[in-house]
C-alpha atoms as a PDB file:
ATOM      1  CA  MET A   1      38.937   0.352 -39.856  1.00  0.00           C
ATOM      2  CA  TYR A   2      41.243  -2.097 -37.755  1.00  0.00           C
ATOM      3  CA  LEU A   3      41.115   0.543 -34.742  1.00  0.00           C
ATOM      4  CA  LYS A   4      37.655   1.215 -34.916  1.00  0.00           C
ATOM      5  CA  ASP A   5      36.771  -2.582 -34.642  1.00  0.00           C
ATOM      6  CA  CYS A   6      39.169  -2.729 -31.829  1.00  0.00           C
ATOM      7  CA  LEU A   7      37.706   0.319 -30.154  1.00  0.00           C
ATOM      8  CA  GLU A   8      34.034  -1.087 -30.743  1.00  0.00           C
ATOM      9  CA  PHE A   9      35.316  -4.671 -29.355  1.00  0.00           C
ATOM     10  CA  LEU A  10      36.712  -2.928 -26.074  1.00  0.00           C
ATOM     11  CA  GLU A  11      33.800  -0.908 -25.561  1.00  0.00           C
ATOM     12  CA  SER A  12      31.457  -3.937 -25.514  1.00  0.00           C
ATOM     13  CA  TRP A  13      33.644  -6.226 -23.538  1.00  0.00           C
ATOM     14  CA  GLU A  14      33.653  -3.280 -20.960  1.00  0.00           C
ATOM     15  CA  ILE A  15      30.079  -2.948 -20.956  1.00  0.00           C
ATOM     16  CA  GLY A  16      29.505  -7.022 -20.880  1.00  0.00           C
ATOM     17  CA  TRP A  17      31.863  -6.906 -17.658  1.00  0.00           C
ATOM     18  CA  GLN A  18      30.110  -4.062 -15.746  1.00  0.00           C
ATOM     19  CA  GLU A  19      26.879  -6.105 -16.218  1.00  0.00           C
ATOM     20  CA  GLU A  20      28.171  -9.342 -15.164  1.00  0.00           C
ATOM     21  CA  LYS A  21      29.624  -7.859 -11.992  1.00  0.00           C
ATOM     22  CA  GLN A  22      26.345  -6.155 -11.456  1.00  0.00           C
ATOM     23  CA  ASN A  23      24.499  -9.373 -11.791  1.00  0.00           C
ATOM     24  CA  GLU A  24      27.241 -10.911  -9.420  1.00  0.00           C
ATOM     25  CA  ASN A  25      26.617  -8.549  -6.803  1.00  0.00           C
ATOM     26  CA  GLU A  26      22.902  -8.885  -6.988  1.00  0.00           C
ATOM     27  CA  LYS A  27      23.035 -12.521  -6.973  1.00  0.00           C
ATOM     28  CA  ASP A  28      25.355 -12.520  -3.830  1.00  0.00           C
ATOM     29  CA  GLY A  29      22.542 -10.084  -2.094  1.00  0.00           C
ATOM     30  CA  VAL A  30      19.888 -12.413  -2.941  1.00  0.00           C
ATOM     31  CA  GLU A  31      21.625 -15.235  -2.065  1.00  0.00           C
ATOM     32  CA  CYS A  32      22.495 -13.562   1.780  1.00  0.00           C
ATOM     33  CA  LEU A  33      18.747 -12.693   2.002  1.00  0.00           C
ATOM     34  CA  CYS A  34      17.738 -16.267   1.047  1.00  0.00           C
ATOM     35  CA  THR A  35      20.021 -17.894   3.417  1.00  0.00           C
ATOM     36  CA  LYS A  36      19.048 -15.455   6.457  1.00  0.00           C
ATOM     37  CA  ILE A  37      15.266 -16.138   5.748  1.00  0.00           C
ATOM     38  CA  GLU A  38      15.640 -19.670   5.112  1.00  0.00           C
ATOM     39  CA  LYS A  39      12.876 -21.801   6.882  1.00  0.00           C
ATOM     40  CA  GLY A  40      14.133 -22.581  10.165  1.00  0.00           C
ATOM     41  CA  LYS A  41      16.755 -20.041  10.269  1.00  0.00           C
ATOM     42  CA  TYR A  42      15.060 -16.769  10.227  1.00  0.00           C
ATOM     43  CA  SER A  43      11.607 -17.147  12.573  1.00  0.00           C
ATOM     44  CA  ALA A  44       9.335 -14.572  13.875  1.00  0.00           C
ATOM     45  CA  THR A  45      11.200 -14.571  17.042  1.00  0.00           C
ATOM     46  CA  ASN A  46      14.257 -13.329  14.811  1.00  0.00           C
ATOM     47  CA  MET A  47      12.119 -10.684  13.308  1.00  0.00           C
ATOM     48  CA  LEU A  48      10.811  -9.408  16.462  1.00  0.00           C
ATOM     49  CA  GLU A  49      14.356  -9.051  17.925  1.00  0.00           C
ATOM     50  CA  ASP A  50      15.708  -7.452  14.753  1.00  0.00           C
ATOM     51  CA  LEU A  51      12.484  -4.933  15.459  1.00  0.00           C
ATOM     52  CA  ARG A  52      13.635  -4.346  18.991  1.00  0.00           C
ATOM     53  CA  GLN A  53      16.985  -3.325  17.756  1.00  0.00           C
ATOM     54  CA  GLU A  54      15.956  -0.784  15.065  1.00  0.00           C
ATOM     55  CA  PRO A  55      16.292   2.798  16.604  1.00  0.00           C
ATOM     56  CA  SER A  56      13.302   4.224  14.680  1.00  0.00           C
ATOM     57  CA  GLY A  57      10.226   2.878  16.909  1.00  0.00           C
ATOM     58  CA  TYR A  58      10.061   0.036  14.392  1.00  0.00           C
ATOM     59  CA  PHE A  59       8.903  -2.528  17.122  1.00  0.00           C
ATOM     60  CA  GLU A  60       6.413  -0.118  18.542  1.00  0.00           C
ATOM     61  CA  ASN A  61       4.865   0.633  15.249  1.00  0.00           C
ATOM     62  CA  PHE A  62       4.683  -2.932  14.174  1.00  0.00           C
ATOM     63  CA  CYS A  63       2.912  -4.192  17.611  1.00  0.00           C
ATOM     64  CA  ARG A  64       1.375  -0.870  18.868  1.00  0.00           C
ATOM     65  CA  ILE A  65       3.109  -1.329  22.096  1.00  0.00           C
ATOM     66  CA  SER A  66       6.695  -0.798  23.351  1.00  0.00           C
ATOM     67  CA  ALA A  67       9.258  -3.532  23.851  1.00  0.00           C
ATOM     68  CA  THR A  68       9.036  -2.933  27.492  1.00  0.00           C
ATOM     69  CA  ASP A  69       5.525  -3.214  27.800  1.00  0.00           C
ATOM     70  CA  PHE A  70       5.582  -5.907  25.492  1.00  0.00           C
ATOM     71  CA  GLU A  71       7.830  -8.065  27.924  1.00  0.00           C
ATOM     72  CA  TYR A  72       5.671  -6.823  31.045  1.00  0.00           C
ATOM     73  CA  LEU A  73       2.582  -8.372  29.137  1.00  0.00           C
ATOM     74  CA  LEU A  74       4.426 -11.684  28.188  1.00  0.00           C
ATOM     75  CA  ASN A  75       5.723 -12.030  31.686  1.00  0.00           C
ATOM     76  CA  LYS A  76       2.343 -12.106  32.925  1.00  0.00           C
ATOM     77  CA  ILE A  77       0.395 -14.018  30.366  1.00  0.00           C
ATOM     78  CA  GLY A  78       3.382 -16.078  29.183  1.00  0.00           C
ATOM     79  CA  PRO A  79       2.540 -19.464  31.337  1.00  0.00           C
ATOM     80  CA  VAL A  80      -1.052 -19.324  30.266  1.00  0.00           C
ATOM     81  CA  ILE A  81      -0.589 -19.204  26.660  1.00  0.00           C
ATOM     82  CA  ALA A  82       2.567 -21.556  26.392  1.00  0.00           C
ATOM     83  CA  LYS A  83       1.918 -24.639  24.912  1.00  0.00           C
ATOM     84  CA  ASN A  84       4.085 -27.903  25.352  1.00  0.00           C
ATOM     85  CA  ASP A  85       6.465 -29.474  22.597  1.00  0.00           C
ATOM     86  CA  THR A  86       5.188 -32.829  20.946  1.00  0.00           C
ATOM     87  CA  ASN A  87       7.257 -35.506  19.109  1.00  0.00           C
ATOM     88  CA  MET A  88       5.773 -33.955  15.894  1.00  0.00           C
ATOM     89  CA  ARG A  89       6.730 -30.611  16.262  1.00  0.00           C
ATOM     90  CA  ASP A  90       7.896 -27.690  18.492  1.00  0.00           C
ATOM     91  CA  SER A  91       5.378 -25.490  20.026  1.00  0.00           C
ATOM     92  CA  ILE A  92       5.037 -21.813  18.916  1.00  0.00           C
ATOM     93  CA  PRO A  93       6.960 -19.593  21.240  1.00  0.00           C
ATOM     94  CA  VAL A  94       4.876 -17.312  23.423  1.00  0.00           C
ATOM     95  CA  GLN A  95       6.342 -14.209  22.014  1.00  0.00           C
ATOM     96  CA  GLU A  96       5.081 -14.850  18.509  1.00  0.00           C
ATOM     97  CA  ARG A  97       1.658 -15.867  20.111  1.00  0.00           C
ATOM     98  CA  LEU A  98       1.499 -12.457  21.448  1.00  0.00           C
ATOM     99  CA  ALA A  99       3.044 -10.627  18.665  1.00  0.00           C
ATOM    100  CA  VAL A 100       1.053 -11.964  16.173  1.00  0.00           C
ATOM    101  CA  THR A 101      -2.281 -11.041  18.096  1.00  0.00           C
ATOM    102  CA  LEU A 102      -1.197  -7.667  18.695  1.00  0.00           C
ATOM    103  CA  ARG A 103      -0.438  -7.351  15.092  1.00  0.00           C
ATOM    104  CA  PHE A 104      -3.795  -8.596  14.178  1.00  0.00           C
ATOM    105  CA  LEU A 105      -5.701  -6.075  16.472  1.00  0.00           C
ATOM    106  CA  ALA A 106      -2.911  -3.467  15.432  1.00  0.00           C
ATOM    107  CA  THR A 107      -3.853  -3.719  11.266  1.00  0.00           C
ATOM    108  CA  GLY A 108      -6.686  -6.111  11.043  1.00  0.00           C
ATOM    109  CA  ASP A 109      -5.056  -8.312   8.825  1.00  0.00           C
ATOM    110  CA  SER A 110      -6.600 -11.327   7.725  1.00  0.00           C
ATOM    111  CA  PHE A 111      -5.293 -14.725   9.535  1.00  0.00           C
ATOM    112  CA  LYS A 112      -4.104 -15.606   5.818  1.00  0.00           C
ATOM    113  CA  SER A 113      -1.910 -12.570   5.603  1.00  0.00           C
ATOM    114  CA  LEU A 114      -0.592 -13.216   9.048  1.00  0.00           C
ATOM    115  CA  SER A 115       0.376 -16.631   8.288  1.00  0.00           C
ATOM    116  CA  TYR A 116       2.815 -15.576   5.585  1.00  0.00           C
ATOM    117  CA  LEU A 117       4.346 -13.095   7.937  1.00  0.00           C
ATOM    118  CA  PHE A 118       4.717 -15.341  10.932  1.00  0.00           C
ATOM    119  CA  LYS A 119       5.288 -18.549   9.320  1.00  0.00           C
ATOM    120  CA  PHE A 120       2.531 -20.657  10.682  1.00  0.00           C
ATOM    121  CA  SER A 121      -0.980 -21.590   9.425  1.00  0.00           C
ATOM    122  CA  PRO A 122      -4.109 -19.383   9.459  1.00  0.00           C
ATOM    123  CA  GLN A 123      -5.849 -21.849  11.629  1.00  0.00           C
ATOM    124  CA  THR A 124      -2.905 -21.659  14.035  1.00  0.00           C
ATOM    125  CA  VAL A 125      -3.019 -17.741  14.060  1.00  0.00           C
ATOM    126  CA  SER A 126      -6.658 -17.846  14.720  1.00  0.00           C
ATOM    127  CA  ARG A 127      -6.062 -20.273  17.712  1.00  0.00           C
ATOM    128  CA  CYS A 128      -3.387 -17.848  18.893  1.00  0.00           C
ATOM    129  CA  VAL A 129      -5.619 -14.758  18.498  1.00  0.00           C
ATOM    130  CA  GLY A 130      -8.168 -16.689  20.859  1.00  0.00           C
ATOM    131  CA  ASP A 131      -5.974 -17.777  23.531  1.00  0.00           C
ATOM    132  CA  VAL A 132      -4.135 -14.661  23.897  1.00  0.00           C
ATOM    133  CA  CYS A 133      -7.261 -12.371  23.828  1.00  0.00           C
ATOM    134  CA  ARG A 134      -8.780 -14.596  26.536  1.00  0.00           C
ATOM    135  CA  ALA A 135      -5.357 -14.530  28.819  1.00  0.00           C
ATOM    136  CA  LEU A 136      -5.164 -10.639  28.100  1.00  0.00           C
ATOM    137  CA  ILE A 137      -8.727  -9.904  29.178  1.00  0.00           C
ATOM    138  CA  HIS A 138      -8.299 -12.123  32.516  1.00  0.00           C
ATOM    139  CA  GLU A 139      -5.200 -10.326  33.474  1.00  0.00           C
ATOM    140  CA  LEU A 140      -6.080  -6.689  32.635  1.00  0.00           C
ATOM    141  CA  LYS A 141      -9.492  -6.894  34.272  1.00  0.00           C
ATOM    142  CA  ARG A 142      -7.476  -7.963  37.297  1.00  0.00           C
ATOM    143  CA  ARG A 143      -5.253  -5.352  37.088  1.00  0.00           C
ATOM    144  CA  ASN A 144      -7.655  -2.761  36.201  1.00  0.00           C
ATOM    145  CA  LYS A 145      -9.483  -1.938  39.560  1.00  0.00           C
ATOM    146  CA  GLY A 146     -12.242   0.034  37.482  1.00  0.00           C
ATOM    147  CA  VAL A 147     -13.798  -3.106  36.205  1.00  0.00           C
ATOM    148  CA  TYR A 148     -16.349  -4.440  38.545  1.00  0.00           C
ATOM    149  CA  ASN A 149     -18.851  -7.404  38.730  1.00  0.00           C
ATOM    150  CA  ARG A 150     -22.606  -7.122  37.238  1.00  0.00           C
ATOM    151  CA  GLY A 151     -24.943  -6.468  40.060  1.00  0.00           C
ATOM    152  CA  THR A 152     -22.648  -4.488  42.226  1.00  0.00           C
ATOM    153  CA  GLN A 153     -23.190  -0.512  43.019  1.00  0.00           C
ATOM    154  CA  GLU A 154     -20.214   0.143  41.303  1.00  0.00           C
ATOM    155  CA  ARG A 155     -20.899  -1.446  38.180  1.00  0.00           C
ATOM    156  CA  ILE A 156     -24.622   0.390  37.872  1.00  0.00           C
ATOM    157  CA  PHE A 157     -22.969   3.684  38.454  1.00  0.00           C
ATOM    158  CA  ASN A 158     -20.373   3.107  35.858  1.00  0.00           C
ATOM    159  CA  TYR A 159     -23.280   2.074  33.488  1.00  0.00           C
ATOM    160  CA  ARG A 160     -25.164   5.105  34.115  1.00  0.00           C
ATOM    161  CA  LEU A 161     -22.248   7.568  34.155  1.00  0.00           C
ATOM    162  CA  SER A 162     -21.213   6.121  30.765  1.00  0.00           C
ATOM    163  CA  ARG A 163     -24.902   6.482  29.078  1.00  0.00           C
ATOM    164  CA  ALA A 164     -25.217   9.698  30.629  1.00  0.00           C
ATOM    165  CA  ARG A 165     -21.896  11.196  29.027  1.00  0.00           C
ATOM    166  CA  ARG A 166     -22.708   9.905  25.407  1.00  0.00           C
ATOM    167  CA  VAL A 167     -19.151   9.122  24.568  1.00  0.00           C
ATOM    168  CA  VAL A 168     -19.462   6.076  22.338  1.00  0.00           C
ATOM    169  CA  GLU A 169     -18.573   8.013  19.212  1.00  0.00           C
ATOM    170  CA  ASN A 170     -15.506   9.196  20.942  1.00  0.00           C
ATOM    171  CA  VAL A 171     -14.338   5.883  22.318  1.00  0.00           C
ATOM    172  CA  PHE A 172     -14.505   4.110  18.961  1.00  0.00           C
ATOM    173  CA  GLY A 173     -12.435   6.884  17.396  1.00  0.00           C
ATOM    174  CA  ILE A 174      -9.978   6.368  19.989  1.00  0.00           C
ATOM    175  CA  LEU A 175      -9.675   2.682  19.582  1.00  0.00           C
ATOM    176  CA  SER A 176     -10.016   2.879  15.759  1.00  0.00           C
ATOM    177  CA  SER A 177      -7.129   5.209  15.812  1.00  0.00           C
ATOM    178  CA  VAL A 178      -4.616   2.692  17.301  1.00  0.00           C
ATOM    179  CA  PHE A 179      -6.400  -0.761  16.645  1.00  0.00           C
ATOM    180  CA  ARG A 180      -7.115  -0.472  12.708  1.00  0.00           C
ATOM    181  CA  ILE A 181      -9.175  -4.118  13.126  1.00  0.00           C
ATOM    182  CA  PHE A 182     -12.151  -1.709  13.754  1.00  0.00           C
ATOM    183  CA  ARG A 183     -11.870   0.204  10.393  1.00  0.00           C
ATOM    184  CA  LYS A 184     -13.094  -2.767   8.315  1.00  0.00           C
ATOM    185  CA  PRO A 185     -15.635  -5.458   9.031  1.00  0.00           C
ATOM    186  CA  ILE A 186     -14.644  -8.156  11.342  1.00  0.00           C
ATOM    187  CA  LEU A 187     -15.336 -11.369   9.595  1.00  0.00           C
ATOM    188  CA  LEU A 188     -15.503 -13.475  12.779  1.00  0.00           C
ATOM    189  CA  GLU A 189     -18.267 -15.138  15.083  1.00  0.00           C
ATOM    190  CA  PRO A 190     -19.883 -12.585  17.249  1.00  0.00           C
ATOM    191  CA  PRO A 191     -18.345 -14.354  20.653  1.00  0.00           C
ATOM    192  CA  ARG A 192     -14.971 -13.766  18.975  1.00  0.00           C
ATOM    193  CA  VAL A 193     -15.505  -9.930  18.359  1.00  0.00           C
ATOM    194  CA  THR A 194     -16.543  -9.899  21.722  1.00  0.00           C
ATOM    195  CA  GLU A 195     -13.310 -11.030  23.148  1.00  0.00           C
ATOM    196  CA  ILE A 196     -11.304  -8.966  20.500  1.00  0.00           C
ATOM    197  CA  THR A 197     -13.036  -5.594  21.703  1.00  0.00           C
ATOM    198  CA  MET A 198     -12.787  -6.389  25.175  1.00  0.00           C
ATOM    199  CA  THR A 199      -9.123  -6.970  24.549  1.00  0.00           C
ATOM    200  CA  CYS A 200      -8.631  -3.742  22.775  1.00  0.00           C
ATOM    201  CA  VAL A 201     -10.363  -1.698  25.468  1.00  0.00           C
ATOM    202  CA  LEU A 202      -8.260  -3.062  28.375  1.00  0.00           C
ATOM    203  CA  LEU A 203      -4.785  -2.837  26.106  1.00  0.00           C
ATOM    204  CA  HIS A 204      -5.875   0.776  25.833  1.00  0.00           C
ATOM    205  CA  ASN A 205      -6.454   1.442  29.456  1.00  0.00           C
ATOM    206  CA  PHE A 206      -3.197  -0.434  29.933  1.00  0.00           C
ATOM    207  CA  TYR A 207      -1.230   1.909  27.275  1.00  0.00           C
ATOM    208  CA  ALA A 208      -2.872   5.124  28.847  1.00  0.00           C
ATOM    209  CA  LYS A 209      -1.845   3.999  32.496  1.00  0.00           C
ATOM    210  CA  VAL A 210       1.880   3.150  31.571  1.00  0.00           C
ATOM    211  CA  GLU A 211       1.899   6.491  29.465  1.00  0.00           C
ATOM    212  CA  HIS A 212       0.811   8.478  32.471  1.00  0.00           C
ATOM    213  CA  LEU A 213       3.469   6.749  34.913  1.00  0.00           C
ATOM    214  CA  ASP A 214       6.141   7.826  32.508  1.00  0.00           C
END
């Protein structure tokens, strides 16, 4: 009887020790993660840098653009979308402004959902998307020689050619395969939808030219 009690005690002690050790390991892992993502110590900029270092194309999947092309666009529109720091708070870095816009176009996630990921308010996400879309339209239109002013012979020719070829459905299918924002209703004002659509079209042309050069 005594031996049986001793064996049961040792068995229960071993199980308790293993559970305690497992809890300590889990606690250490959680504390490490919490320390890493603690506000002010793990920002969206840190997240983008981690994605760049991943070898499996995580960054391109996240932004729908390679890290090289991301830097190219950032250098072009960075000075336009940059904001000054204030006494109340630091400005949002330009790479985060561009990234949240590209992520919005790629997924169609709500501004509120993106605010959790990038750690700034939905209103700020909305302003970033508007500013970056306008900057991209201005820059990529300048870069794309196939876009002409209204009333010119080239513009009229392009319009008639597009109407004759009847490729609207194909274009929409191509756009929605990359920019999933077109797979659901866009709950924004018409002028914002126009900006977003134009941005996606110009980004698609930009991607196509870059892939052709590669």
